Structure formats: C-alpha cells, structure tokens
PDB file of all heavy atoms in Angstrom:
ATOM      1  N   ASP A   1      92.528  60.421  90.737  1.00  0.00           N
ATOM      2  CA  ASP A   1      92.239  61.476  91.741  1.00  0.00           C
ATOM      3  C   ASP A   1      92.289  60.832  93.109  1.00  0.00           C
ATOM      4  O   ASP A   1      92.129  61.552  94.153  1.00  0.00           O
ATOM      5  CB  ASP A   1      90.838  61.998  91.605  1.00  0.00           C
ATOM      6  CG  ASP A   1      90.682  62.731  90.259  1.00  0.00           C
ATOM      7  OD1 ASP A   1      91.649  63.420  89.892  1.00  0.00           O
ATOM      8  OD2 ASP A   1      89.669  62.607  89.648  1.00  0.00           O
ATOM      9  N   HIS A   2      92.485  59.592  93.248  1.00  0.00           N
ATOM     10  CA  HIS A   2      92.439  58.897  94.584  1.00  0.00           C
ATOM     11  C   HIS A   2      93.766  59.301  95.359  1.00  0.00           C
ATOM     12  O   HIS A   2      94.826  59.107  94.981  1.00  0.00           O
ATOM     13  CB  HIS A   2      92.448  57.410  94.411  1.00  0.00           C
ATOM     14  CG  HIS A   2      92.420  56.649  95.672  1.00  0.00           C
ATOM     15  ND1 HIS A   2      93.333  55.710  95.950  1.00  0.00           N
ATOM     16  CD2 HIS A   2      91.532  56.708  96.733  1.00  0.00           C
ATOM     17  CE1 HIS A   2      93.017  55.058  97.069  1.00  0.00           C
ATOM     18  NE2 HIS A   2      91.958  55.791  97.600  1.00  0.00           N
ATOM     19  N   GLN A   3      93.538  59.799  96.612  1.00  0.00           N
ATOM     20  CA  GLN A   3      94.600  60.403  97.448  1.00  0.00           C
ATOM     21  C   GLN A   3      94.245  59.826  98.878  1.00  0.00           C
ATOM     22  O   GLN A   3      93.658  60.427  99.674  1.00  0.00           O
ATOM     23  CB  GLN A   3      94.575  61.856  97.471  1.00  0.00           C
ATOM     24  CG  GLN A   3      94.841  62.531  96.112  1.00  0.00           C
ATOM     25  CD  GLN A   3      94.659  64.030  96.215  1.00  0.00           C
ATOM     26  OE1 GLN A   3      93.558  64.561  96.429  1.00  0.00           O
ATOM     27  NE2 GLN A   3      95.794  64.795  96.195  1.00  0.00           N
ATOM     28  N   PRO A   4      94.888  58.635  99.229  1.00  0.00           N
ATOM     29  CA  PRO A   4      94.654  58.172 100.612  1.00  0.00           C
ATOM     30  C   PRO A   4      95.275  59.112 101.680  1.00  0.00           C
ATOM     31  O   PRO A   4      96.163  59.916 101.399  1.00  0.00           O
ATOM     32  CB  PRO A   4      95.548  56.818 100.536  1.00  0.00           C
ATOM     33  CG  PRO A   4      95.659  56.504  99.128  1.00  0.00           C
ATOM     34  CD  PRO A   4      95.667  57.787  98.356  1.00  0.00           C
ATOM     35  N   LEU A   5      94.628  59.107 102.829  1.00  0.00           N
ATOM     36  CA  LEU A   5      95.049  60.044 103.913  1.00  0.00           C
ATOM     37  C   LEU A   5      96.278  59.414 104.490  1.00  0.00           C
ATOM     38  O   LEU A   5      96.638  58.212 104.580  1.00  0.00           O
ATOM     39  CB  LEU A   5      93.880  59.934 104.899  1.00  0.00           C
ATOM     40  CG  LEU A   5      92.580  60.328 104.430  1.00  0.00           C
ATOM     41  CD1 LEU A   5      91.651  60.476 105.698  1.00  0.00           C
ATOM     42  CD2 LEU A   5      92.634  61.774 103.754  1.00  0.00           C
ATOM     43  N   VAL A   6      97.013  60.358 105.066  1.00  0.00           N
ATOM     44  CA  VAL A   6      98.271  60.160 105.876  1.00  0.00           C
ATOM     45  C   VAL A   6      97.924  60.366 107.348  1.00  0.00           C
ATOM     46  O   VAL A   6      97.389  61.407 107.739  1.00  0.00           O
ATOM     47  CB  VAL A   6      99.477  60.933 105.505  1.00  0.00           C
ATOM     48  CG1 VAL A   6     100.644  60.678 106.445  1.00  0.00           C
ATOM     49  CG2 VAL A   6      99.871  60.777 104.061  1.00  0.00           C
ATOM     50  N   ALA A   7      98.076  59.354 108.218  1.00  0.00           N
ATOM     51  CA  ALA A   7      97.691  59.441 109.596  1.00  0.00           C
ATOM     52  C   ALA A   7      98.140  60.724 110.217  1.00  0.00           C
ATOM     53  O   ALA A   7      99.329  61.088 110.067  1.00  0.00           O
ATOM     54  CB  ALA A   7      98.118  58.246 110.337  1.00  0.00           C
ATOM     55  N   GLY A   8      97.220  61.478 110.737  1.00  0.00           N
ATOM     56  CA  GLY A   8      97.476  62.821 111.549  1.00  0.00           C
ATOM     57  C   GLY A   8      97.656  63.976 110.700  1.00  0.00           C
ATOM     58  O   GLY A   8      97.889  65.128 111.262  1.00  0.00           O
ATOM     59  N   THR A   9      97.497  63.820 109.408  1.00  0.00           N
ATOM     60  CA  THR A   9      97.671  64.932 108.505  1.00  0.00           C
ATOM     61  C   THR A   9      96.390  65.480 108.064  1.00  0.00           C
ATOM     62  O   THR A   9      95.586  64.725 107.298  1.00  0.00           O
ATOM     63  CB  THR A   9      98.493  64.602 107.275  1.00  0.00           C
ATOM     64  OG1 THR A   9      99.848  64.158 107.736  1.00  0.00           O
ATOM     65  CG2 THR A   9      98.680  65.787 106.210  1.00  0.00           C
ATOM     66  N   PRO A  10      95.910  66.680 108.350  1.00  0.00           N
ATOM     67  CA  PRO A  10      94.625  67.208 108.055  1.00  0.00           C
ATOM     68  C   PRO A  10      94.502  67.409 106.527  1.00  0.00           C
ATOM     69  O   PRO A  10      95.411  67.946 105.909  1.00  0.00           O
ATOM     70  CB  PRO A  10      94.483  68.570 108.747  1.00  0.00           C
ATOM     71  CG  PRO A  10      95.575  68.339 109.824  1.00  0.00           C
ATOM     72  CD  PRO A  10      96.640  67.674 109.244  1.00  0.00           C
ATOM     73  N   VAL A  11      93.349  67.084 105.880  1.00  0.00           N
ATOM     74  CA  VAL A  11      93.086  67.551 104.464  1.00  0.00           C
ATOM     75  C   VAL A  11      91.659  68.205 104.567  1.00  0.00           C
ATOM     76  O   VAL A  11      90.824  67.919 105.359  1.00  0.00           O
ATOM     77  CB  VAL A  11      92.976  66.212 103.673  1.00  0.00           C
ATOM     78  CG1 VAL A  11      94.416  65.577 103.708  1.00  0.00           C
ATOM     79  CG2 VAL A  11      92.065  65.230 104.115  1.00  0.00           C
ATOM     80  N   LYS A  12      91.492  68.899 103.495  1.00  0.00           N
ATOM     81  CA  LYS A  12      90.139  69.589 103.343  1.00  0.00           C
ATOM     82  C   LYS A  12      89.196  68.810 102.479  1.00  0.00           C
ATOM     83  O   LYS A  12      89.611  68.356 101.379  1.00  0.00           O
ATOM     84  CB  LYS A  12      90.288  70.990 102.724  1.00  0.00           C
ATOM     85  CG  LYS A  12      89.072  71.712 102.566  1.00  0.00           C
ATOM     86  CD  LYS A  12      89.276  73.164 101.948  1.00  0.00           C
ATOM     87  CE  LYS A  12      87.991  74.010 101.868  1.00  0.00           C
ATOM     88  NZ  LYS A  12      88.347  75.280 101.231  1.00  0.00           N
ATOM     89  N   VAL A  13      88.010  68.529 103.011  1.00  0.00           N
ATOM     90  CA  VAL A  13      87.031  67.709 102.335  1.00  0.00           C
ATOM     91  C   VAL A  13      85.800  68.696 102.193  1.00  0.00           C
ATOM     92  O   VAL A  13      85.242  69.019 103.192  1.00  0.00           O
ATOM     93  CB  VAL A  13      86.688  66.460 103.112  1.00  0.00           C
ATOM     94  CG1 VAL A  13      85.628  65.687 102.353  1.00  0.00           C
ATOM     95  CG2 VAL A  13      87.944  65.643 103.338  1.00  0.00           C
ATOM     96  N   SER A  14      85.382  68.913 100.883  1.00  0.00           N
ATOM     97  CA  SER A  14      84.247  69.822 100.659  1.00  0.00           C
ATOM     98  C   SER A  14      83.253  69.069  99.925  1.00  0.00           C
ATOM     99  O   SER A  14      83.449  68.347  98.940  1.00  0.00           O
ATOM    100  CB  SER A  14      84.735  70.988  99.810  1.00  0.00           C
ATOM    101  OG  SER A  14      85.734  71.779 100.518  1.00  0.00           O
ATOM    102  N   PHE A  15      82.046  69.220 100.396  1.00  0.00           N
ATOM    103  CA  PHE A  15      80.838  68.544  99.762  1.00  0.00           C
ATOM    104  C   PHE A  15      79.476  69.258 100.157  1.00  0.00           C
ATOM    105  O   PHE A  15      79.493  69.909 101.220  1.00  0.00           O
ATOM    106  CB  PHE A  15      80.800  67.064 100.147  1.00  0.00           C
ATOM    107  CG  PHE A  15      80.784  66.787 101.549  1.00  0.00           C
ATOM    108  CD1 PHE A  15      79.613  66.614 102.380  1.00  0.00           C
ATOM    109  CD2 PHE A  15      81.899  66.611 102.334  1.00  0.00           C
ATOM    110  CE1 PHE A  15      79.528  66.308 103.672  1.00  0.00           C
ATOM    111  CE2 PHE A  15      81.998  66.409 103.692  1.00  0.00           C
ATOM    112  CZ  PHE A  15      80.784  66.235 104.397  1.00  0.00           C
ATOM    113  N   ASP A  16      78.509  69.005  99.409  1.00  0.00           N
ATOM    114  CA  ASP A  16      77.241  69.669  99.725  1.00  0.00           C
ATOM    115  C   ASP A  16      76.397  68.693 100.537  1.00  0.00           C
ATOM    116  O   ASP A  16      76.496  67.462 100.448  1.00  0.00           O
ATOM    117  CB  ASP A  16      76.522  70.145  98.474  1.00  0.00           C
ATOM    118  CG  ASP A  16      76.104  68.916  97.546  1.00  0.00           C
ATOM    119  OD1 ASP A  16      77.051  68.218  97.196  1.00  0.00           O
ATOM    120  OD2 ASP A  16      74.916  68.669  97.210  1.00  0.00           O
ATOM    121  N   LEU A  17      75.523  69.315 101.349  1.00  0.00           N
ATOM    122  CA  LEU A  17      74.432  68.556 101.987  1.00  0.00           C
ATOM    123  C   LEU A  17      73.231  68.596 101.044  1.00  0.00           C
ATOM    124  O   LEU A  17      73.084  69.568 100.205  1.00  0.00           O
ATOM    125  CB  LEU A  17      74.152  69.072 103.363  1.00  0.00           C
ATOM    126  CG  LEU A  17      75.123  68.631 104.483  1.00  0.00           C
ATOM    127  CD1 LEU A  17      76.562  69.080 104.251  1.00  0.00           C
ATOM    128  CD2 LEU A  17      74.586  69.141 105.836  1.00  0.00           C
ATOM    129  N   LEU A  18      72.359  67.629 101.217  1.00  0.00           N
ATOM    130  CA  LEU A  18      71.122  67.616 100.430  1.00  0.00           C
ATOM    131  C   LEU A  18      70.333  68.975 100.443  1.00  0.00           C
ATOM    132  O   LEU A  18      70.224  69.484 101.654  1.00  0.00           O
ATOM    133  CB  LEU A  18      70.221  66.401 100.624  1.00  0.00           C
ATOM    134  CG  LEU A  18      70.960  65.085 100.199  1.00  0.00           C
ATOM    135  CD1 LEU A  18      69.956  63.945 100.721  1.00  0.00           C
ATOM    136  CD2 LEU A  18      71.019  64.913  98.708  1.00  0.00           C
ATOM    137  N   ALA A  19      69.670  69.384  99.502  1.00  0.00           N
ATOM    138  CA  ALA A  19      68.920  70.632  99.467  1.00  0.00           C
ATOM    139  C   ALA A  19      67.854  70.615 100.498  1.00  0.00           C
ATOM    140  O   ALA A  19      67.291  69.570 100.822  1.00  0.00           O
ATOM    141  CB  ALA A  19      68.338  70.886  98.069  1.00  0.00           C
ATOM    142  N   VAL A  20      67.464  71.770 101.048  1.00  0.00           N
ATOM    143  CA  VAL A  20      66.505  71.876 102.131  1.00  0.00           C
ATOM    144  C   VAL A  20      65.666  73.070 101.820  1.00  0.00           C
ATOM    145  O   VAL A  20      65.957  74.082 101.178  1.00  0.00           O
ATOM    146  CB  VAL A  20      67.142  71.938 103.491  1.00  0.00           C
ATOM    147  CG1 VAL A  20      67.993  70.718 103.838  1.00  0.00           C
ATOM    148  CG2 VAL A  20      68.059  73.256 103.565  1.00  0.00           C
ATOM    149  N   SER A  21      64.405  73.081 102.513  1.00  0.00           N
ATOM    150  CA  SER A  21      63.571  74.273 102.702  1.00  0.00           C
ATOM    151  C   SER A  21      62.870  74.003 104.065  1.00  0.00           C
ATOM    152  O   SER A  21      61.868  73.158 104.124  1.00  0.00           O
ATOM    153  CB  SER A  21      62.605  74.572 101.602  1.00  0.00           C
ATOM    154  OG  SER A  21      61.971  75.767 101.766  1.00  0.00           O
ATOM    155  N   TYR A  22      63.285  74.667 105.058  1.00  0.00           N
ATOM    156  CA  TYR A  22      62.940  74.315 106.473  1.00  0.00           C
ATOM    157  C   TYR A  22      62.961  75.461 107.278  1.00  0.00           C
ATOM    158  O   TYR A  22      63.830  76.384 107.228  1.00  0.00           O
ATOM    159  CB  TYR A  22      63.985  73.229 106.969  1.00  0.00           C
ATOM    160  CG  TYR A  22      63.587  72.621 108.341  1.00  0.00           C
ATOM    161  CD1 TYR A  22      62.789  71.449 108.430  1.00  0.00           C
ATOM    162  CD2 TYR A  22      64.109  73.250 109.501  1.00  0.00           C
ATOM    163  CE1 TYR A  22      62.585  70.965 109.696  1.00  0.00           C
ATOM    164  CE2 TYR A  22      63.712  72.720 110.812  1.00  0.00           C
ATOM    165  CZ  TYR A  22      62.957  71.421 110.793  1.00  0.00           C
ATOM    166  OH  TYR A  22      62.730  71.001 112.068  1.00  0.00           O
ATOM    167  N   VAL A  23      61.948  75.534 108.205  1.00  0.00           N
ATOM    168  CA  VAL A  23      61.936  76.736 109.165  1.00  0.00           C
ATOM    169  C   VAL A  23      62.284  76.135 110.565  1.00  0.00           C
ATOM    170  O   VAL A  23      61.607  75.226 111.095  1.00  0.00           O
ATOM    171  CB  VAL A  23      60.572  77.371 109.211  1.00  0.00           C
ATOM    172  CG1 VAL A  23      60.436  78.363 110.411  1.00  0.00           C
ATOM    173  CG2 VAL A  23      60.198  78.050 107.856  1.00  0.00           C
ATOM    174  N   PHE A  24      63.307  76.656 111.117  1.00  0.00           N
ATOM    175  CA  PHE A  24      63.728  76.405 112.505  1.00  0.00           C
ATOM    176  C   PHE A  24      62.846  77.322 113.457  1.00  0.00           C
ATOM    177  O   PHE A  24      62.805  78.557 113.329  1.00  0.00           O
ATOM    178  CB  PHE A  24      65.144  76.686 112.772  1.00  0.00           C
ATOM    179  CG  PHE A  24      66.140  75.778 112.191  1.00  0.00           C
ATOM    180  CD1 PHE A  24      66.503  75.812 110.904  1.00  0.00           C
ATOM    181  CD2 PHE A  24      66.677  74.665 112.885  1.00  0.00           C
ATOM    182  CE1 PHE A  24      67.426  74.944 110.291  1.00  0.00           C
ATOM    183  CE2 PHE A  24      67.557  73.764 112.411  1.00  0.00           C
ATOM    184  CZ  PHE A  24      67.968  73.914 111.061  1.00  0.00           C
ATOM    185  N   LYS A  25      62.031  76.693 114.262  1.00  0.00           N
ATOM    186  CA  LYS A  25      61.137  77.516 115.107  1.00  0.00           C
ATOM    187  C   LYS A  25      61.930  78.173 116.192  1.00  0.00           C
ATOM    188  O   LYS A  25      63.035  77.809 116.601  1.00  0.00           O
ATOM    189  CB  LYS A  25      60.075  76.571 115.694  1.00  0.00           C
ATOM    190  CG  LYS A  25      59.291  75.689 114.644  1.00  0.00           C
ATOM    191  CD  LYS A  25      58.600  76.496 113.680  1.00  0.00           C
ATOM    192  CE  LYS A  25      57.340  77.116 114.244  1.00  0.00           C
ATOM    193  NZ  LYS A  25      56.570  77.769 113.239  1.00  0.00           N
ATOM    194  N   ALA A  26      61.331  79.322 116.603  1.00  0.00           N
ATOM    195  CA  ALA A  26      61.989  80.057 117.728  1.00  0.00           C
ATOM    196  C   ALA A  26      62.242  79.136 118.944  1.00  0.00           C
ATOM    197  O   ALA A  26      61.437  78.334 119.334  1.00  0.00           O
ATOM    198  CB  ALA A  26      61.085  81.144 118.180  1.00  0.00           C
ATOM    199  N   GLY A  27      63.426  79.284 119.439  1.00  0.00           N
ATOM    200  CA  GLY A  27      63.733  78.368 120.588  1.00  0.00           C
ATOM    201  C   GLY A  27      64.548  77.196 120.215  1.00  0.00           C
ATOM    202  O   GLY A  27      65.066  76.403 121.098  1.00  0.00           O
ATOM    203  N   HIS A  28      64.567  76.847 118.910  1.00  0.00           N
ATOM    204  CA  HIS A  28      65.293  75.698 118.416  1.00  0.00           C
ATOM    205  C   HIS A  28      66.764  76.060 118.053  1.00  0.00           C
ATOM    206  O   HIS A  28      66.951  77.202 117.698  1.00  0.00           O
ATOM    207  CB  HIS A  28      64.547  75.148 117.212  1.00  0.00           C
ATOM    208  CG  HIS A  28      63.307  74.391 117.601  1.00  0.00           C
ATOM    209  ND1 HIS A  28      63.010  73.168 117.226  1.00  0.00           N
ATOM    210  CD2 HIS A  28      62.263  74.823 118.375  1.00  0.00           C
ATOM    211  CE1 HIS A  28      61.897  72.692 117.605  1.00  0.00           C
ATOM    212  NE2 HIS A  28      61.337  73.730 118.378  1.00  0.00           N
ATOM    213  N   THR A  29      67.598  75.105 117.907  1.00  0.00           N
ATOM    214  CA  THR A  29      68.958  75.395 117.692  1.00  0.00           C
ATOM    215  C   THR A  29      69.470  74.573 116.399  1.00  0.00           C
ATOM    216  O   THR A  29      69.140  73.361 116.312  1.00  0.00           O
ATOM    217  CB  THR A  29      69.955  74.908 118.931  1.00  0.00           C
ATOM    218  OG1 THR A  29      69.470  75.573 120.075  1.00  0.00           O
ATOM    219  CG2 THR A  29      71.352  75.043 118.528  1.00  0.00           C
ATOM    220  N   LEU A  30      70.231  75.254 115.537  1.00  0.00           N
ATOM    221  CA  LEU A  30      70.804  74.625 114.439  1.00  0.00           C
ATOM    222  C   LEU A  30      72.082  73.968 114.917  1.00  0.00           C
ATOM    223  O   LEU A  30      72.821  74.635 115.523  1.00  0.00           O
ATOM    224  CB  LEU A  30      70.995  75.680 113.298  1.00  0.00           C
ATOM    225  CG  LEU A  30      71.730  75.203 112.068  1.00  0.00           C
ATOM    226  CD1 LEU A  30      71.223  76.014 110.844  1.00  0.00           C
ATOM    227  CD2 LEU A  30      73.186  75.177 112.030  1.00  0.00           C
ATOM    228  N   ARG A  31      72.307  72.660 114.435  1.00  0.00           N
ATOM    229  CA  ARG A  31      73.493  71.952 114.859  1.00  0.00           C
ATOM    230  C   ARG A  31      73.977  71.136 113.683  1.00  0.00           C
ATOM    231  O   ARG A  31      73.246  70.778 112.868  1.00  0.00           O
ATOM    232  CB  ARG A  31      73.210  71.089 116.038  1.00  0.00           C
ATOM    233  CG  ARG A  31      74.405  70.295 116.626  1.00  0.00           C
ATOM    234  CD  ARG A  31      74.129  69.656 117.896  1.00  0.00           C
ATOM    235  NE  ARG A  31      73.434  68.384 117.618  1.00  0.00           N
ATOM    236  CZ  ARG A  31      73.138  67.442 118.486  1.00  0.00           C
ATOM    237  NH1 ARG A  31      73.195  67.707 119.790  1.00  0.00           N
ATOM    238  NH2 ARG A  31      72.512  66.280 118.187  1.00  0.00           N
ATOM    239  N   VAL A  32      75.302  70.928 113.595  1.00  0.00           N
ATOM    240  CA  VAL A  32      75.894  70.182 112.677  1.00  0.00           C
ATOM    241  C   VAL A  32      76.687  69.067 113.294  1.00  0.00           C
ATOM    242  O   VAL A  32      77.408  69.333 114.385  1.00  0.00           O
ATOM    243  CB  VAL A  32      76.957  70.978 111.806  1.00  0.00           C
ATOM    244  CG1 VAL A  32      77.646  70.060 110.849  1.00  0.00           C
ATOM    245  CG2 VAL A  32      76.243  72.081 110.911  1.00  0.00           C
ATOM    246  N   SER A  33      76.402  67.718 112.857  1.00  0.00           N
ATOM    247  CA  SER A  33      77.119  66.650 113.497  1.00  0.00           C
ATOM    248  C   SER A  33      77.984  65.944 112.373  1.00  0.00           C
ATOM    249  O   SER A  33      77.526  65.893 111.201  1.00  0.00           O
ATOM    250  CB  SER A  33      76.103  65.643 114.090  1.00  0.00           C
ATOM    251  OG  SER A  33      75.527  66.282 115.160  1.00  0.00           O
ATOM    252  N   ILE A  34      79.162  65.450 112.754  1.00  0.00           N
ATOM    253  CA  ILE A  34      80.101  64.875 111.798  1.00  0.00           C
ATOM    254  C   ILE A  34      80.439  63.454 112.310  1.00  0.00           C
ATOM    255  O   ILE A  34      80.865  63.380 113.553  1.00  0.00           O
ATOM    256  CB  ILE A  34      81.344  65.821 111.615  1.00  0.00           C
ATOM    257  CG1 ILE A  34      80.909  67.143 111.106  1.00  0.00           C
ATOM    258  CG2 ILE A  34      82.249  65.107 110.667  1.00  0.00           C
ATOM    259  CD1 ILE A  34      81.906  68.193 111.424  1.00  0.00           C
ATOM    260  N   THR A  35      80.374  62.517 111.476  1.00  0.00           N
ATOM    261  CA  THR A  35      80.657  61.125 111.870  1.00  0.00           C
ATOM    262  C   THR A  35      81.513  60.443 110.788  1.00  0.00           C
ATOM    263  O   THR A  35      81.638  60.964 109.684  1.00  0.00           O
ATOM    264  CB  THR A  35      79.486  60.275 112.169  1.00  0.00           C
ATOM    265  OG1 THR A  35      78.716  59.973 110.930  1.00  0.00           O
ATOM    266  CG2 THR A  35      78.465  60.956 113.094  1.00  0.00           C
TER     267      THR A  35
END
C-alpha cells in the first residue's frame, strides 16, 4: 500500500482525530492546525 508522494502533486489523506467530548464556551473559536 506504500505510495510515495510526487513533488507538487496533491493527494488526499484521510484520518480521524482522537475522540472528544468538549464544550467550546461562548466567545471562543474552533480552529484546525496542520503541520
């Protein structure tokens, strides 16, 4: 299943984030960061 990337060619990467149960309080912002 190993498929190395080709420079400059976009690929789709799908994965789950760890499960949560959390309340964002009023005035707070949901953000996603990618590194």
